[in-house]
Amino acid sequence: MSSINGSISAILNKPNKTTDDLQQVIDEWHQNLLRNEEHLLQFANQLEQKQQSLNQTTNSIIQTQNLLANLEKNLQQFQLSVQTLAKYNDELETSVEQLNADNRSITYELMDSVDTHLNELDQTMKQINNALQINTDHSILKTTDELQTCFHDVHNLQETIKQIKIE
């Protein structure tokens, strides 16, 4: 650029300038302007590319901010859900503890009741054994066996009588 300015200055410093000299100055300025215009166009293209990149980055940042806002909202909902679940868990633990306490009480009452009924059954069985005199000579079972033997003997006699009548 300084060489261009130097050649233009040399032409302009001539005491007598010709049309060709002026045309040469115009041509050099024109060439210089064209080069400057080309540099400006390249610079403008670079700026446009950087602007597009900046726009894309800005859009990405906006999308990221929107995602973060959604995440914050979802996180708040999640935290509320966790708090609600913790509350329900505490209530459930309290209910389970109460049920366990009630269950122990009922189990002890049931065991006492079963024990009482078993003792009553034992007493009843002893009374029945005494009344029936099981495993003694006066046992009802022995009497029943004797009655069966008697009925069997009567039956045999009847059969014998029938045979005697037949003959």
C-alpha atoms as a PDB file:
ATOM      1  CA  MET A   1       0.000   0.000   0.000  1.00  0.00           C
ATOM      2  CA  SER A   2       2.835   2.372   0.797  1.00  0.00           C
ATOM      3  CA  SER A   3       4.356   1.561  -2.609  1.00  0.00           C
ATOM      4  CA  ILE A   4       1.076   2.544  -4.250  1.00  0.00           C
ATOM      5  CA  ASN A   5       0.900   5.750  -2.258  1.00  0.00           C
ATOM      6  CA  GLY A   6       4.546   6.360  -3.108  1.00  0.00           C
ATOM      7  CA  SER A   7       3.959   5.963  -6.880  1.00  0.00           C
ATOM      8  CA  ILE A   8       0.814   8.124  -6.726  1.00  0.00           C
ATOM      9  CA  SER A   9       2.707  10.755  -4.702  1.00  0.00           C
ATOM     10  CA  ALA A  10       5.525  10.695  -7.249  1.00  0.00           C
ATOM     11  CA  ILE A  11       3.042  11.314 -10.081  1.00  0.00           C
ATOM     12  CA  LEU A  12       1.221  14.020  -8.149  1.00  0.00           C
ATOM     13  CA  ASN A  13       4.515  15.741  -7.254  1.00  0.00           C
ATOM     14  CA  LYS A  14       5.444  16.153 -10.926  1.00  0.00           C
ATOM     15  CA  PRO A  15       5.264  19.750 -11.977  1.00  0.00           C
ATOM     16  CA  ASN A  16       3.648  18.892 -15.298  1.00  0.00           C
ATOM     17  CA  LYS A  17       1.123  16.120 -15.225  1.00  0.00           C
ATOM     18  CA  THR A  18      -0.182  14.512 -18.320  1.00  0.00           C
ATOM     19  CA  THR A  19      -3.507  12.889 -18.904  1.00  0.00           C
ATOM     20  CA  ASP A  20      -1.727   9.572 -18.843  1.00  0.00           C
ATOM     21  CA  ASP A  21      -0.269  10.453 -15.450  1.00  0.00           C
ATOM     22  CA  LEU A  22      -3.711  11.293 -14.112  1.00  0.00           C
ATOM     23  CA  GLN A  23      -5.154   8.138 -15.703  1.00  0.00           C
ATOM     24  CA  GLN A  24      -2.391   6.130 -14.051  1.00  0.00           C
ATOM     25  CA  VAL A  25      -3.274   7.703 -10.660  1.00  0.00           C
ATOM     26  CA  ILE A  26      -6.954   6.921 -11.265  1.00  0.00           C
ATOM     27  CA  ASP A  27      -6.122   3.346 -12.315  1.00  0.00           C
ATOM     28  CA  GLU A  28      -3.932   2.789  -9.258  1.00  0.00           C
ATOM     29  CA  TRP A  29      -6.578   4.247  -6.960  1.00  0.00           C
ATOM     30  CA  HIS A  30      -9.168   2.098  -8.697  1.00  0.00           C
ATOM     31  CA  GLN A  31      -6.994  -1.017  -8.242  1.00  0.00           C
ATOM     32  CA  ASN A  32      -6.351  -0.019  -4.647  1.00  0.00           C
ATOM     33  CA  LEU A  33     -10.099   0.462  -4.056  1.00  0.00           C
ATOM     34  CA  LEU A  34     -10.866  -2.911  -5.693  1.00  0.00           C
ATOM     35  CA  ARG A  35      -8.309  -4.633  -3.445  1.00  0.00           C
ATOM     36  CA  ASN A  36      -9.701  -2.819  -0.419  1.00  0.00           C
ATOM     37  CA  GLU A  37     -13.227  -3.773  -1.484  1.00  0.00           C
ATOM     38  CA  GLU A  38     -12.134  -7.426  -1.846  1.00  0.00           C
ATOM     39  CA  HIS A  39     -10.557  -7.337   1.624  1.00  0.00           C
ATOM     40  CA  LEU A  40     -13.707  -5.716   3.005  1.00  0.00           C
ATOM     41  CA  LEU A  41     -15.878  -8.393   1.327  1.00  0.00           C
ATOM     42  CA  GLN A  42     -13.686 -11.147   2.773  1.00  0.00           C
ATOM     43  CA  PHE A  43     -13.838  -9.458   6.160  1.00  0.00           C
ATOM     44  CA  ALA A  44     -17.636  -9.081   5.806  1.00  0.00           C
ATOM     45  CA  ASN A  45     -17.905 -12.807   4.926  1.00  0.00           C
ATOM     46  CA  GLN A  46     -15.797 -13.684   7.952  1.00  0.00           C
ATOM     47  CA  LEU A  47     -17.987 -11.447  10.096  1.00  0.00           C
ATOM     48  CA  GLU A  48     -21.119 -13.073   8.656  1.00  0.00           C
ATOM     49  CA  GLN A  49     -19.739 -16.549   9.399  1.00  0.00           C
ATOM     50  CA  LYS A  50     -18.829 -15.449  12.913  1.00  0.00           C
ATOM     51  CA  GLN A  51     -22.313 -13.907  13.285  1.00  0.00           C
ATOM     52  CA  GLN A  52     -23.916 -17.200  12.146  1.00  0.00           C
ATOM     53  CA  SER A  53     -21.715 -19.107  14.567  1.00  0.00           C
ATOM     54  CA  LEU A  54     -22.627 -16.624  17.294  1.00  0.00           C
ATOM     55  CA  ASN A  55     -26.333 -17.015  16.419  1.00  0.00           C
ATOM     56  CA  GLN A  56     -26.024 -20.808  16.598  1.00  0.00           C
ATOM     57  CA  THR A  57     -24.210 -20.530  19.919  1.00  0.00           C
ATOM     58  CA  THR A  58     -26.878 -18.121  21.178  1.00  0.00           C
ATOM     59  CA  ASN A  59     -29.622 -20.544  20.072  1.00  0.00           C
ATOM     60  CA  SER A  60     -27.794 -23.376  21.797  1.00  0.00           C
ATOM     61  CA  ILE A  61     -27.486 -21.286  24.961  1.00  0.00           C
ATOM     62  CA  ILE A  62     -31.209 -20.437  24.818  1.00  0.00           C
ATOM     63  CA  GLN A  63     -32.087 -24.116  24.345  1.00  0.00           C
ATOM     64  CA  THR A  64     -29.758 -25.030  27.199  1.00  0.00           C
ATOM     65  CA  GLN A  65     -31.356 -22.375  29.409  1.00  0.00           C
ATOM     66  CA  ASN A  66     -34.808 -23.737  28.513  1.00  0.00           C
ATOM     67  CA  LEU A  67     -33.631 -27.251  29.328  1.00  0.00           C
ATOM     68  CA  LEU A  68     -32.191 -26.001  32.617  1.00  0.00           C
ATOM     69  CA  ALA A  69     -35.476 -24.257  33.435  1.00  0.00           C
ATOM     70  CA  ASN A  70     -37.337 -27.504  32.690  1.00  0.00           C
ATOM     71  CA  LEU A  71     -34.813 -29.430  34.761  1.00  0.00           C
ATOM     72  CA  GLU A  72     -35.266 -27.025  37.661  1.00  0.00           C
ATOM     73  CA  LYS A  73     -39.042 -27.395  37.398  1.00  0.00           C
ATOM     74  CA  ASN A  74     -38.743 -31.187  37.188  1.00  0.00           C
ATOM     75  CA  LEU A  75     -36.273 -31.162  40.071  1.00  0.00           C
ATOM     76  CA  GLN A  76     -38.715 -29.175  42.196  1.00  0.00           C
ATOM     77  CA  GLN A  77     -41.501 -31.618  41.321  1.00  0.00           C
ATOM     78  CA  PHE A  78     -39.178 -34.524  42.063  1.00  0.00           C
ATOM     79  CA  GLN A  79     -38.219 -32.999  45.417  1.00  0.00           C
ATOM     80  CA  LEU A  80     -41.901 -32.508  46.263  1.00  0.00           C
ATOM     81  CA  SER A  81     -42.551 -36.127  45.272  1.00  0.00           C
ATOM     82  CA  VAL A  82     -39.653 -37.313  47.421  1.00  0.00           C
ATOM     83  CA  GLN A  83     -40.955 -35.267  50.360  1.00  0.00           C
ATOM     84  CA  THR A  84     -44.443 -36.701  49.853  1.00  0.00           C
ATOM     85  CA  LEU A  85     -43.033 -40.233  49.628  1.00  0.00           C
ATOM     86  CA  ALA A  86     -40.968 -39.648  52.776  1.00  0.00           C
ATOM     87  CA  LYS A  87     -44.112 -38.458  54.572  1.00  0.00           C
ATOM     88  CA  TYR A  88     -46.060 -41.520  53.392  1.00  0.00           C
ATOM     89  CA  ASN A  89     -43.127 -43.746  54.370  1.00  0.00           C
ATOM     90  CA  ASP A  90     -43.104 -42.249  57.867  1.00  0.00           C
ATOM     91  CA  GLU A  91     -46.868 -42.756  58.145  1.00  0.00           C
ATOM     92  CA  LEU A  92     -46.485 -46.325  56.876  1.00  0.00           C
ATOM     93  CA  GLU A  93     -43.718 -47.052  59.392  1.00  0.00           C
ATOM     94  CA  THR A  94     -45.928 -45.677  62.169  1.00  0.00           C
ATOM     95  CA  SER A  95     -48.834 -47.835  60.962  1.00  0.00           C
ATOM     96  CA  VAL A  96     -46.594 -50.918  60.738  1.00  0.00           C
ATOM     97  CA  GLU A  97     -45.302 -50.307  64.259  1.00  0.00           C
ATOM     98  CA  GLN A  98     -48.884 -49.930  65.520  1.00  0.00           C
ATOM     99  CA  LEU A  99     -49.952 -53.086  63.665  1.00  0.00           C
ATOM    100  CA  ASN A 100     -46.991 -54.981  65.113  1.00  0.00           C
ATOM    101  CA  ALA A 101     -47.897 -53.807  68.616  1.00  0.00           C
ATOM    102  CA  ASP A 102     -51.561 -54.735  68.066  1.00  0.00           C
ATOM    103  CA  ASN A 103     -50.508 -58.060  66.523  1.00  0.00           C
ATOM    104  CA  ARG A 104     -48.302 -58.892  69.519  1.00  0.00           C
ATOM    105  CA  SER A 105     -51.169 -58.094  71.870  1.00  0.00           C
ATOM    106  CA  ILE A 106     -53.627 -60.192  69.855  1.00  0.00           C
ATOM    107  CA  THR A 107     -51.090 -63.022  69.544  1.00  0.00           C
ATOM    108  CA  TYR A 108     -50.540 -63.074  73.310  1.00  0.00           C
ATOM    109  CA  GLU A 109     -54.301 -63.042  73.910  1.00  0.00           C
ATOM    110  CA  LEU A 110     -54.772 -65.832  71.358  1.00  0.00           C
ATOM    111  CA  MET A 111     -51.979 -67.896  72.920  1.00  0.00           C
ATOM    112  CA  ASP A 112     -53.539 -67.431  76.375  1.00  0.00           C
ATOM    113  CA  SER A 113     -56.944 -68.399  74.999  1.00  0.00           C
ATOM    114  CA  VAL A 114     -55.543 -71.497  73.259  1.00  0.00           C
ATOM    115  CA  ASP A 115     -53.663 -72.442  76.430  1.00  0.00           C
ATOM    116  CA  THR A 116     -56.857 -72.051  78.491  1.00  0.00           C
ATOM    117  CA  HIS A 117     -58.855 -74.155  76.006  1.00  0.00           C
ATOM    118  CA  LEU A 118     -56.158 -76.838  75.962  1.00  0.00           C
ATOM    119  CA  ASN A 119     -56.234 -76.989  79.772  1.00  0.00           C
ATOM    120  CA  GLU A 120     -60.047 -77.241  79.682  1.00  0.00           C
ATOM    121  CA  LEU A 121     -59.801 -80.004  77.050  1.00  0.00           C
ATOM    122  CA  ASP A 122     -57.262 -81.843  79.219  1.00  0.00           C
ATOM    123  CA  GLN A 123     -59.627 -81.645  82.204  1.00  0.00           C
ATOM    124  CA  THR A 124     -62.557 -82.817  80.055  1.00  0.00           C
ATOM    125  CA  MET A 125     -60.516 -85.770  78.730  1.00  0.00           C
ATOM    126  CA  LYS A 126     -59.570 -86.740  82.277  1.00  0.00           C
ATOM    127  CA  GLN A 127     -63.221 -86.566  83.322  1.00  0.00           C
ATOM    128  CA  ILE A 128     -64.252 -88.722  80.347  1.00  0.00           C
ATOM    129  CA  ASN A 129     -61.523 -91.255  81.161  1.00  0.00           C
ATOM    130  CA  ASN A 130     -62.702 -91.397  84.764  1.00  0.00           C
ATOM    131  CA  ALA A 131     -66.369 -91.694  83.744  1.00  0.00           C
ATOM    132  CA  LEU A 132     -65.695 -94.406  81.172  1.00  0.00           C
ATOM    133  CA  GLN A 133     -63.146 -96.095  83.429  1.00  0.00           C
ATOM    134  CA  ILE A 134     -60.918 -96.769  80.449  1.00  0.00           C
ATOM    135  CA  ASN A 135     -58.183 -99.360  81.091  1.00  0.00           C
ATOM    136  CA  THR A 136     -60.050-100.774  84.115  1.00  0.00           C
ATOM    137  CA  ASP A 137     -62.239-103.873  84.606  1.00  0.00           C
ATOM    138  CA  HIS A 138     -65.349-101.696  84.777  1.00  0.00           C
ATOM    139  CA  SER A 139     -64.578 -99.917  81.533  1.00  0.00           C
ATOM    140  CA  ILE A 140     -67.460 -99.267  79.168  1.00  0.00           C
ATOM    141  CA  LEU A 141     -65.250-100.515  76.369  1.00  0.00           C
ATOM    142  CA  LYS A 142     -64.842-103.851  78.152  1.00  0.00           C
ATOM    143  CA  THR A 143     -68.601-103.962  78.734  1.00  0.00           C
ATOM    144  CA  THR A 144     -69.198-103.250  75.059  1.00  0.00           C
ATOM    145  CA  ASP A 145     -66.834-106.070  74.113  1.00  0.00           C
ATOM    146  CA  GLU A 146     -68.678-108.428  76.481  1.00  0.00           C
ATOM    147  CA  LEU A 147     -72.035-107.386  74.976  1.00  0.00           C
ATOM    148  CA  GLN A 148     -70.708-108.077  71.496  1.00  0.00           C
ATOM    149  CA  THR A 149     -69.508-111.498  72.611  1.00  0.00           C
ATOM    150  CA  CYS A 150     -72.919-112.146  74.144  1.00  0.00           C
ATOM    151  CA  PHE A 151     -74.727-111.090  70.956  1.00  0.00           C
ATOM    152  CA  HIS A 152     -72.410-113.260  68.972  1.00  0.00           C
ATOM    153  CA  ASP A 153     -73.142-116.239  71.204  1.00  0.00           C
ATOM    154  CA  VAL A 154     -76.898-115.609  70.882  1.00  0.00           C
ATOM    155  CA  HIS A 155     -76.518-115.501  67.122  1.00  0.00           C
ATOM    156  CA  ASN A 156     -74.613-118.785  67.147  1.00  0.00           C
ATOM    157  CA  LEU A 157     -77.350-120.347  69.258  1.00  0.00           C
ATOM    158  CA  GLN A 158     -79.981-119.160  66.818  1.00  0.00           C
ATOM    159  CA  GLU A 159     -78.053-120.670  63.958  1.00  0.00           C
ATOM    160  CA  THR A 160     -77.725-123.935  65.830  1.00  0.00           C
ATOM    161  CA  ILE A 161     -81.474-123.957  66.595  1.00  0.00           C
ATOM    162  CA  LYS A 162     -82.258-123.337  62.955  1.00  0.00           C
ATOM    163  CA  GLN A 163     -80.070-126.224  61.958  1.00  0.00           C
ATOM    164  CA  ILE A 164     -81.703-128.468  64.499  1.00  0.00           C
ATOM    165  CA  LYS A 165     -85.161-127.594  63.188  1.00  0.00           C
ATOM    166  CA  ILE A 166     -84.052-128.227  59.667  1.00  0.00           C
ATOM    167  CA  GLU A 167     -82.807-131.713  60.410  1.00  0.00           C
END
